[in-house]
N, C-alpha and C. Protein backbone atom coordinates (compact mmCIF):
# COMPACT_ATOMS: atom_id res chain seq x y z
N MET A 1 0.97 -0.97 -0.34
CA MET A 1 0.13 -0.08 0.01
C MET A 1 0.86 0.95 0.06
N THR A 2 0.58 2.12 -0.66
CA THR A 2 1.61 3.19 -1.31
C THR A 2 1.01 4.08 0.11
N LYS A 3 1.87 5.12 0.36
CA LYS A 3 1.57 5.79 1.88
C LYS A 3 0.50 7.06 1.47
N THR A 4 -0.03 7.14 0.03
CA THR A 4 -1.17 7.96 -0.31
C THR A 4 -2.23 6.72 0.26
N GLY A 5 -2.50 6.01 0.63
CA GLY A 5 -3.52 5.43 1.12
C GLY A 5 -4.39 4.33 -0.32
N SER A 6 -3.92 5.05 -2.00
CA SER A 6 -3.85 3.62 -2.64
C SER A 6 -3.45 2.49 -2.76
N SER A 7 -4.46 1.41 -3.20
CA SER A 7 -3.77 0.10 -2.71
C SER A 7 -3.10 0.11 -3.59
N LYS A 8 -2.49 0.41 -5.21
CA LYS A 8 -2.20 0.65 -6.11
C LYS A 8 -1.80 1.48 -6.96
N GLU A 9 -0.69 1.72 -7.25
CA GLU A 9 -0.62 2.89 -8.04
C GLU A 9 -0.35 2.76 -9.64
N TYR A 10 -1.16 2.48 -10.34
CA TYR A 10 -1.13 2.21 -11.63
C TYR A 10 -0.34 3.37 -13.12
N ASP A 11 -0.03 4.79 -12.79
CA ASP A 11 0.47 5.83 -12.66
C ASP A 11 1.53 5.47 -12.63
N LEU A 12 2.45 4.34 -13.77
CA LEU A 12 3.63 4.63 -13.32
C LEU A 12 5.07 5.87 -12.79
N GLU A 13 4.51 6.22 -14.26
CA GLU A 13 5.64 8.16 -13.46
C GLU A 13 5.26 8.14 -12.03
N ASN A 14 3.83 8.00 -11.45
CA ASN A 14 3.60 8.77 -10.16
C ASN A 14 4.22 7.60 -8.80
N ARG A 15 4.08 6.40 -9.30
CA ARG A 15 4.36 5.30 -8.60
C ARG A 15 5.60 5.58 -8.78
N THR A 16 6.56 5.43 -9.25
CA THR A 16 8.07 5.69 -9.12
C THR A 16 8.48 6.69 -8.59
N PHE A 17 7.64 7.84 -8.41
CA PHE A 17 8.09 8.94 -7.69
C PHE A 17 7.46 8.97 -6.10
N ILE A 18 6.46 8.25 -6.04
CA ILE A 18 5.85 8.45 -4.52
C ILE A 18 7.30 7.16 -4.21
N PHE A 19 7.14 6.38 -4.37
CA PHE A 19 8.71 5.17 -4.41
C PHE A 19 10.02 5.92 -3.85
N ALA A 20 10.25 6.65 -5.02
CA ALA A 20 11.47 7.89 -5.28
C ALA A 20 11.74 8.68 -3.24
N LYS A 21 10.17 9.25 -3.33
CA LYS A 21 9.89 9.74 -1.76
C LYS A 21 9.55 9.33 -0.56
N ASP A 22 9.50 8.07 -0.95
CA ASP A 22 9.05 6.86 0.49
C ASP A 22 10.78 6.33 0.52
N VAL A 23 11.70 6.00 0.24
CA VAL A 23 12.73 6.19 0.18
C VAL A 23 13.50 6.82 1.13
N ARG A 24 13.32 8.72 1.05
CA ARG A 24 13.78 8.80 1.47
C ARG A 24 13.74 9.70 2.69
N SER A 25 11.84 9.17 2.76
CA SER A 25 11.39 9.45 4.25
C SER A 25 12.18 7.73 4.87
N PHE A 26 12.19 7.09 4.96
CA PHE A 26 12.56 6.13 5.38
C PHE A 26 14.08 6.22 5.54
N VAL A 27 15.14 6.61 4.93
CA VAL A 27 16.40 6.43 5.09
C VAL A 27 16.95 8.53 5.85
N ARG A 28 15.64 9.00 5.86
CA ARG A 28 15.62 10.21 7.00
C ARG A 28 16.00 9.60 8.88
N GLN A 29 14.91 8.80 9.37
CA GLN A 29 14.83 8.41 10.11
C GLN A 29 15.74 7.16 10.81
N LEU A 30 17.10 6.58 9.62
CA LEU A 30 18.29 6.07 10.04
C LEU A 30 18.90 6.73 10.72
N SER A 31 19.76 5.92 12.37
CA SER A 31 20.54 6.31 12.89
C SER A 31 21.52 6.96 11.79
N LYS A 32 22.49 7.59 12.58
CA LYS A 32 23.30 8.28 11.38
C LYS A 32 24.83 7.87 11.99
N THR A 33 25.54 6.55 11.21
CA THR A 33 26.36 6.83 11.77
C THR A 33 26.70 6.32 10.18
N ILE A 34 28.46 5.97 9.73
CA ILE A 34 28.79 6.05 8.59
C ILE A 34 28.25 5.33 7.61
N ALA A 35 27.97 4.45 8.34
CA ALA A 35 27.35 3.10 7.40
C ALA A 35 26.29 3.18 6.52
N THR A 36 25.07 3.76 7.26
CA THR A 36 24.04 4.29 7.44
C THR A 36 24.28 5.19 6.12
N ILE A 37 24.81 6.07 6.26
CA ILE A 37 24.50 7.71 5.58
C ILE A 37 25.06 7.06 3.79
N GLU A 38 26.83 6.69 4.25
CA GLU A 38 26.30 6.18 2.68
C GLU A 38 26.31 5.11 2.02
N ASP A 39 25.20 4.12 2.98
CA ASP A 39 24.71 3.42 2.05
C ASP A 39 22.72 4.00 2.08
N GLY A 40 22.65 4.83 2.46
CA GLY A 40 21.20 5.91 2.88
C GLY A 40 21.78 6.78 0.89
N LYS A 41 23.01 7.19 0.93
CA LYS A 41 23.10 7.72 0.03
C LYS A 41 23.03 7.21 -1.20
N GLN A 42 23.56 5.88 -1.35
CA GLN A 42 23.33 5.22 -2.72
C GLN A 42 21.72 4.52 -2.91
N VAL A 43 21.05 4.12 -1.74
CA VAL A 43 19.04 4.28 -2.15
C VAL A 43 18.83 5.30 -2.23
N ILE A 44 19.16 6.65 -1.69
CA ILE A 44 18.20 7.43 -2.85
C ILE A 44 18.57 7.97 -3.78
N ARG A 45 19.87 7.61 -4.34
CA ARG A 45 20.44 7.72 -5.72
C ARG A 45 19.64 6.67 -6.57
N SER A 46 19.92 5.61 -6.25
CA SER A 46 19.24 4.24 -6.50
C SER A 46 17.43 4.80 -7.30
N SER A 47 17.02 5.09 -6.25
CA SER A 47 15.48 5.01 -6.20
C SER A 47 15.31 6.20 -6.27
N GLY A 48 15.69 6.86 -6.80
CA GLY A 48 15.45 8.26 -7.67
C GLY A 48 15.11 8.13 -9.27
N SER A 49 16.94 6.86 -9.59
CA SER A 49 16.49 6.82 -11.01
C SER A 49 15.99 5.95 -11.42
N VAL A 50 15.59 5.41 -10.90
CA VAL A 50 14.24 4.20 -10.88
C VAL A 50 12.86 5.02 -12.01
N GLY A 51 12.29 5.84 -11.46
CA GLY A 51 11.53 7.43 -11.83
C GLY A 51 12.14 8.22 -13.33
N ALA A 52 13.47 8.90 -13.12
CA ALA A 52 13.57 9.86 -13.82
C ALA A 52 14.34 8.91 -15.35
N ASN A 53 15.00 7.62 -15.40
CA ASN A 53 14.75 6.77 -16.05
C ASN A 53 13.50 6.68 -17.06
N TYR A 54 12.78 5.88 -16.10
CA TYR A 54 11.46 5.66 -16.61
C TYR A 54 10.77 7.15 -18.11
N ILE A 55 10.47 8.49 -16.73
CA ILE A 55 10.21 9.66 -17.79
C ILE A 55 11.04 9.55 -18.68
N GLU A 56 13.18 8.91 -18.61
CA GLU A 56 13.23 9.28 -19.74
C GLU A 56 12.77 8.01 -21.04
N ALA A 57 12.57 6.71 -21.15
CA ALA A 57 12.24 6.04 -21.70
C ALA A 57 10.64 6.72 -22.13
N ASN A 58 10.07 7.25 -21.34
CA ASN A 58 8.57 7.97 -21.85
C ASN A 58 9.17 9.33 -23.10
N GLU A 59 9.96 9.48 -23.21
CA GLU A 59 10.27 10.95 -23.86
C GLU A 59 11.42 10.08 -24.86
N SER A 60 11.70 8.94 -24.88
CA SER A 60 12.83 8.43 -25.79
C SER A 60 11.84 8.78 -27.81
N LEU A 61 13.41 8.87 -28.63
CA LEU A 61 13.19 8.96 -29.98
C LEU A 61 13.22 8.03 -30.83
N SER A 62 13.52 6.75 -30.29
CA SER A 62 13.41 5.35 -31.26
C SER A 62 13.04 4.14 -29.65
N ARG A 63 12.79 2.88 -30.11
CA ARG A 63 12.56 1.99 -29.52
C ARG A 63 13.18 1.66 -28.96
N LYS A 64 14.40 1.37 -29.35
CA LYS A 64 15.62 1.14 -29.30
C LYS A 64 16.20 1.99 -27.66
N ASP A 65 16.09 3.12 -27.45
CA ASP A 65 16.12 4.18 -26.45
C ASP A 65 15.65 3.86 -25.49
N PHE A 66 13.99 3.24 -26.02
CA PHE A 66 13.30 3.35 -25.19
C PHE A 66 13.49 2.40 -24.41
N LEU A 67 13.66 0.92 -24.76
CA LEU A 67 14.48 -0.02 -24.31
C LEU A 67 15.28 0.24 -23.51
N HIS A 68 15.71 0.48 -23.61
CA HIS A 68 17.17 1.08 -22.88
C HIS A 68 17.15 1.76 -21.42
N ARG A 69 16.32 2.62 -21.21
CA ARG A 69 15.85 3.60 -20.78
C ARG A 69 15.42 2.76 -19.03
N ILE A 70 13.82 1.55 -20.08
CA ILE A 70 13.66 0.55 -19.49
C ILE A 70 14.45 -0.07 -18.46
N LYS A 71 15.13 -0.64 -19.63
CA LYS A 71 16.49 -1.32 -19.06
C LYS A 71 16.86 -0.93 -17.49
N ILE A 72 17.28 0.06 -17.61
CA ILE A 72 18.51 0.68 -16.66
C ILE A 72 17.20 1.30 -15.82
N SER A 73 15.90 1.17 -15.64
CA SER A 73 14.37 1.51 -14.50
C SER A 73 14.64 0.01 -13.27
N ARG A 74 15.14 -0.97 -14.88
CA ARG A 74 15.08 -2.35 -14.16
C ARG A 74 16.19 -2.31 -13.14
N LYS A 75 17.14 -1.72 -13.45
CA LYS A 75 18.65 -2.72 -12.82
C LYS A 75 18.70 -1.80 -12.05
N GLU A 76 18.01 -0.21 -11.84
CA GLU A 76 18.03 1.06 -10.24
C GLU A 76 17.33 0.03 -9.61
N ALA A 77 16.22 -0.62 -9.80
CA ALA A 77 15.37 -0.63 -8.88
C ALA A 77 15.90 -2.13 -8.61
N LYS A 78 16.73 -3.20 -9.24
CA LYS A 78 16.70 -3.85 -8.72
C LYS A 78 18.06 -3.64 -7.76
N GLU A 79 19.24 -2.46 -7.58
CA GLU A 79 20.27 -2.09 -7.10
C GLU A 79 19.38 -1.59 -6.22
N THR A 80 18.66 -0.74 -5.79
CA THR A 80 18.04 -0.51 -4.94
C THR A 80 18.05 -0.95 -3.53
N ILE A 81 17.24 -2.31 -4.16
CA ILE A 81 16.89 -3.81 -2.86
C ILE A 81 17.90 -3.94 -2.48
N TYR A 82 19.30 -4.23 -3.17
CA TYR A 82 20.51 -4.51 -2.73
C TYR A 82 21.08 -3.40 -1.54
N TRP A 83 20.95 -1.63 -1.62
CA TRP A 83 21.34 -1.06 -0.65
C TRP A 83 20.08 -0.97 0.02
N LEU A 84 19.33 -1.34 0.67
CA LEU A 84 17.84 -1.89 1.29
C LEU A 84 18.42 -2.86 2.08
N LYS A 85 18.61 -3.72 0.97
CA LYS A 85 19.94 -5.55 2.38
C LYS A 85 20.47 -4.59 2.83
N LEU A 86 21.67 -3.88 2.51
CA LEU A 86 22.66 -3.57 2.68
C LEU A 86 22.36 -2.42 4.97
N ILE A 87 21.25 -1.90 4.55
CA ILE A 87 21.69 -1.02 6.00
C ILE A 87 21.36 -1.16 6.48
N VAL A 88 21.67 -1.06 8.09
CA VAL A 88 21.86 -1.89 9.58
C VAL A 88 20.20 -1.11 9.85
N ILE A 89 19.69 -2.03 11.01
CA ILE A 89 18.59 -1.54 11.18
C ILE A 89 18.50 -2.37 13.43
N GLU A 90 19.18 -1.78 14.17
CA GLU A 90 19.16 -2.05 14.75
C GLU A 90 17.58 -1.97 15.65
N ASN A 91 16.88 -2.92 16.65
CA ASN A 91 16.01 -2.74 17.20
C ASN A 91 15.57 -1.67 16.92
N ASN A 92 14.46 -2.00 15.67
CA ASN A 92 13.93 -1.40 15.48
C ASN A 92 12.55 -1.95 14.39
N GLU A 93 11.59 -2.39 15.17
CA GLU A 93 10.47 -3.42 13.88
C GLU A 93 9.85 -1.72 13.01
N MET A 94 9.68 -0.68 13.29
CA MET A 94 8.49 0.17 12.45
C MET A 94 9.80 0.50 11.16
N LEU A 95 10.62 0.13 11.55
CA LEU A 95 11.85 0.30 10.27
C LEU A 95 12.78 -0.59 9.16
N ASP A 96 12.08 -1.75 10.52
CA ASP A 96 12.42 -2.74 9.56
C ASP A 96 11.33 -3.06 7.69
N LYS A 97 10.25 -3.09 9.34
CA LYS A 97 8.56 -3.36 8.00
C LYS A 97 8.74 -2.43 7.18
N GLU A 98 9.26 -0.97 7.11
CA GLU A 98 9.56 -0.14 6.04
C GLU A 98 10.23 -0.32 5.12
N ARG A 99 11.48 -1.29 5.75
CA ARG A 99 12.64 -1.28 4.73
C ARG A 99 12.08 -2.61 3.82
N GLU A 100 11.36 -3.68 4.61
CA GLU A 100 10.52 -5.16 3.73
C GLU A 100 10.06 -4.08 2.66
N ARG A 101 8.80 -3.07 3.19
CA ARG A 101 7.42 -2.59 2.32
C ARG A 101 8.92 -2.45 0.89
N LEU A 102 9.24 -1.28 1.26
CA LEU A 102 9.91 -0.46 0.11
C LEU A 102 10.64 -1.40 -0.65
N ALA A 103 11.54 -2.63 -0.41
CA ALA A 103 12.38 -3.66 -1.06
C ALA A 103 11.59 -4.26 -1.93
N ASN A 104 9.63 -4.98 -0.90
CA ASN A 104 9.10 -5.36 -2.09
C ASN A 104 8.12 -4.62 -3.35
N GLU A 105 7.66 -2.91 -3.14
CA GLU A 105 7.84 -2.11 -4.06
C GLU A 105 9.40 -1.86 -5.13
N ALA A 106 10.05 -2.03 -5.00
CA ALA A 106 11.06 -2.31 -5.31
C ALA A 106 11.04 -3.86 -6.25
N THR A 107 10.69 -4.97 -6.43
CA THR A 107 10.29 -5.72 -6.85
C THR A 107 9.65 -5.71 -7.47
N GLU A 108 8.86 -5.12 -7.41
CA GLU A 108 7.39 -5.06 -8.16
C GLU A 108 7.73 -4.36 -9.49
N LEU A 109 8.77 -3.45 -8.92
CA LEU A 109 8.59 -2.12 -10.33
C LEU A 109 9.79 -3.19 -11.02
N MET A 110 10.75 -3.82 -10.02
CA MET A 110 11.50 -4.63 -11.62
C MET A 110 10.91 -5.80 -12.33
N MET A 111 9.52 -6.35 -11.80
CA MET A 111 8.97 -7.19 -12.50
C MET A 111 7.86 -6.43 -13.45
N ILE A 112 7.32 -4.91 -13.65
CA ILE A 112 6.93 -4.46 -14.28
C ILE A 112 7.66 -3.89 -15.55
N PHE A 113 9.12 -3.37 -14.80
CA PHE A 113 9.98 -2.97 -15.97
C PHE A 113 10.36 -4.31 -17.11
N SER A 114 10.29 -5.40 -16.39
CA SER A 114 10.56 -6.39 -17.41
C SER A 114 9.81 -7.13 -18.10
N ALA A 115 7.96 -7.27 -17.79
CA ALA A 115 7.21 -7.35 -18.11
C ALA A 115 7.33 -6.04 -19.99
N ILE A 116 7.70 -4.96 -20.09
CA ILE A 116 7.31 -4.15 -20.23
C ILE A 116 8.79 -4.88 -21.80
N MET A 117 9.41 -4.91 -20.77
CA MET A 117 10.96 -5.12 -22.02
C MET A 117 10.15 -6.54 -22.74
N ARG A 118 9.70 -7.40 -21.99
CA ARG A 118 9.18 -8.80 -22.98
C ARG A 118 8.52 -8.21 -23.90
N LYS A 119 6.93 -6.89 -23.68
CA LYS A 119 6.40 -6.74 -24.30
C LYS A 119 7.15 -6.30 -25.84
N SER A 120 7.83 -5.32 -25.08
CA SER A 120 7.96 -4.71 -26.24
C SER A 120 9.12 -5.25 -27.29
N SER A 121 9.75 -5.72 -26.74
CA SER A 121 10.78 -6.77 -27.82
C SER A 121 10.42 -7.59 -29.12
């Protein structure tokens, strides 16, 4: 469920935007250690890149460029999962559940981009 309260967001540009905003909100709640600061920077970059590349795909001038940007969006979603898993959360069940929710959303986005790639090939 997105933080906006709807069950699923079908506008992919908006869904990826909400995802990136939710990741930023999550990172702001983390304890400030060297590891979480660095991992937080990485997860912020990759989560924002998911939507940015999807927007670029929608503005592409060729089918080849469209597929390339969709592949990058999928790659960035997968990378976001990696960084989320690396972030250490000690004794905070709420943050751990939020990380799991974000990782699930990144996985769903990755599967959506995979489906777009299959249908566009």
